Amino acid sequence: LPDIVHTNVCIDAMKQAGFELLETRDMAHDQHGPQGDPWYLPMTPSWNPLSQRFQFNWLGFRLTNTIIVLLEYLYLAPKGTIKTQQMLQRGGFALGDGGKLQIFTPMFLMVGRKPLK
């Protein structure tokens, strides 16, 4: 996401476009689910092999990639599948890390309206 901007830039753009801001907040800080799990939890490592999060630990990463390479070799997966998987895994690692460090949010809410006058 090379062109992603800080939330302040988004707020300024709304104001410059003539909108009256009614609310701005990072909804990632809200409680989600019954346990209050953070939004980035699905992108953090787990040792449960039945969880999709298993691919984010070192063993799951290796197994997933090995299986995909084998599927490509046997022509059961299209060529390039492993490159796509590795790109998606890198993105997942980065999003998980960004969420933990609170330097990225996918849930910044801006509510605005056109001025009444």
Protein backbone atom coordinates (compact mmCIF):
# COMPACT_ATOMS: atom_id res chain seq x y z
CA LEU A 1 0.00 0.00 0.00
CA PRO A 2 2.51 2.62 -1.10
CA ASP A 3 -0.05 5.42 -1.38
CA ILE A 4 -1.70 4.96 2.02
CA VAL A 5 -1.93 8.16 4.05
CA HIS A 6 -2.29 9.07 7.71
CA THR A 7 -5.80 9.50 9.07
CA ASN A 8 -5.17 13.24 9.54
CA VAL A 9 -4.77 13.58 5.77
CA CYS A 10 -8.16 11.91 5.30
CA ILE A 11 -9.79 14.26 7.81
CA ASP A 12 -8.27 17.31 6.10
CA ALA A 13 -9.46 16.07 2.69
CA MET A 14 -13.03 15.74 3.98
CA LYS A 15 -12.91 19.28 5.35
CA GLN A 16 -11.38 20.66 2.15
CA ALA A 17 -14.14 18.97 0.16
CA GLY A 18 -16.62 21.03 2.18
CA PHE A 19 -17.99 18.39 4.50
CA GLU A 20 -18.85 18.97 8.13
CA LEU A 21 -17.31 16.15 10.16
CA LEU A 22 -19.74 14.64 12.64
CA GLU A 23 -17.53 11.82 13.89
CA THR A 24 -14.06 10.41 13.36
CA ARG A 25 -12.66 7.46 15.22
CA ASP A 26 -10.64 4.30 14.88
CA MET A 27 -13.16 1.49 15.21
CA ALA A 28 -10.29 -0.98 15.67
CA HIS A 29 -10.30 0.11 19.33
CA ASP A 30 -13.92 -1.04 19.74
CA GLN A 31 -14.60 -4.47 21.22
CA HIS A 32 -15.22 -7.07 18.52
CA GLY A 33 -16.83 -10.40 19.23
CA PRO A 34 -17.70 -11.90 22.61
CA GLN A 35 -14.05 -12.10 23.71
CA GLY A 36 -13.13 -8.67 22.37
CA ASP A 37 -10.63 -10.11 19.90
CA PRO A 38 -8.52 -7.55 18.00
CA TRP A 39 -9.11 -7.20 14.24
CA TYR A 40 -5.65 -8.51 13.41
CA LEU A 41 -6.03 -11.79 15.34
CA PRO A 42 -6.66 -13.88 12.18
CA MET A 43 -3.23 -12.78 10.92
CA THR A 44 -1.26 -13.84 13.99
CA PRO A 45 0.43 -17.24 14.45
CA SER A 46 -1.36 -20.18 16.04
CA TRP A 47 -0.17 -23.74 16.66
CA ASN A 48 -3.66 -25.17 16.08
CA PRO A 49 -3.29 -27.05 12.75
CA LEU A 50 -7.04 -26.77 12.14
CA SER A 51 -6.87 -22.97 12.22
CA GLN A 52 -6.10 -20.82 9.19
CA ARG A 53 -3.71 -18.99 11.54
CA PHE A 54 -1.46 -22.08 11.53
CA GLN A 55 0.15 -20.84 8.29
CA PHE A 56 1.55 -17.82 10.17
CA ASN A 57 3.91 -19.82 12.41
CA TRP A 58 7.22 -21.03 10.99
CA LEU A 59 6.12 -24.65 10.59
CA GLY A 60 2.79 -23.81 8.97
CA PHE A 61 4.54 -21.37 6.64
CA ARG A 62 6.94 -24.09 5.46
CA LEU A 63 4.24 -26.76 5.14
CA THR A 64 1.87 -24.51 3.21
CA ASN A 65 4.57 -23.46 0.78
CA THR A 66 5.87 -27.02 0.32
CA ILE A 67 2.38 -28.34 -0.43
CA ILE A 68 1.72 -25.57 -2.96
CA VAL A 69 5.06 -26.17 -4.71
CA LEU A 70 4.15 -29.86 -4.92
CA LEU A 71 0.70 -29.03 -6.32
CA GLU A 72 2.30 -26.79 -8.94
CA TYR A 73 4.80 -29.53 -9.83
CA LEU A 74 1.96 -32.02 -10.30
CA TYR A 75 0.01 -29.47 -12.39
CA LEU A 76 -2.82 -29.50 -9.85
CA ALA A 77 -2.31 -25.80 -9.17
CA PRO A 78 -1.59 -23.17 -11.81
CA LYS A 79 1.97 -21.97 -12.25
CA GLY A 80 2.54 -18.88 -10.08
CA THR A 81 0.32 -20.04 -7.23
CA ILE A 82 3.29 -20.17 -4.84
CA LYS A 83 4.28 -16.59 -5.68
CA THR A 84 0.73 -15.45 -5.00
CA GLN A 85 0.63 -17.38 -1.70
CA GLN A 86 3.95 -15.91 -0.56
CA MET A 87 2.79 -12.37 -1.41
CA LEU A 88 -0.45 -12.88 0.53
CA GLN A 89 1.43 -14.34 3.51
CA ARG A 90 3.84 -11.38 3.57
CA GLY A 91 0.82 -9.06 3.52
CA GLY A 92 -0.78 -11.01 6.36
CA PHE A 93 2.39 -10.84 8.46
CA ALA A 94 2.66 -7.09 7.82
CA LEU A 95 -0.99 -6.42 8.67
CA GLY A 96 -0.74 -8.46 11.86
CA ASP A 97 2.41 -6.61 12.91
CA GLY A 98 0.88 -3.24 12.00
CA GLY A 99 -2.19 -4.05 14.10
CA LYS A 100 -0.14 -5.14 17.11
CA LEU A 101 1.98 -1.98 16.92
CA GLN A 102 -1.15 0.15 16.29
CA ILE A 103 0.45 1.79 13.23
CA PHE A 104 -2.22 0.58 10.79
CA THR A 105 -5.98 0.43 11.00
CA PRO A 106 -8.43 -0.90 8.42
CA MET A 107 -11.37 0.61 10.30
CA PHE A 108 -11.02 4.38 10.46
CA LEU A 109 -14.53 5.81 10.46
CA MET A 110 -15.37 9.25 9.13
CA VAL A 111 -18.96 10.45 9.18
CA GLY A 112 -19.62 13.72 7.42
CA ARG A 113 -22.43 15.67 5.87
CA LYS A 114 -22.80 18.57 3.53
CA PRO A 115 -23.30 21.77 5.49
CA LEU A 116 -26.96 22.67 5.93
CA LYS A 117 -26.41 26.26 4.75
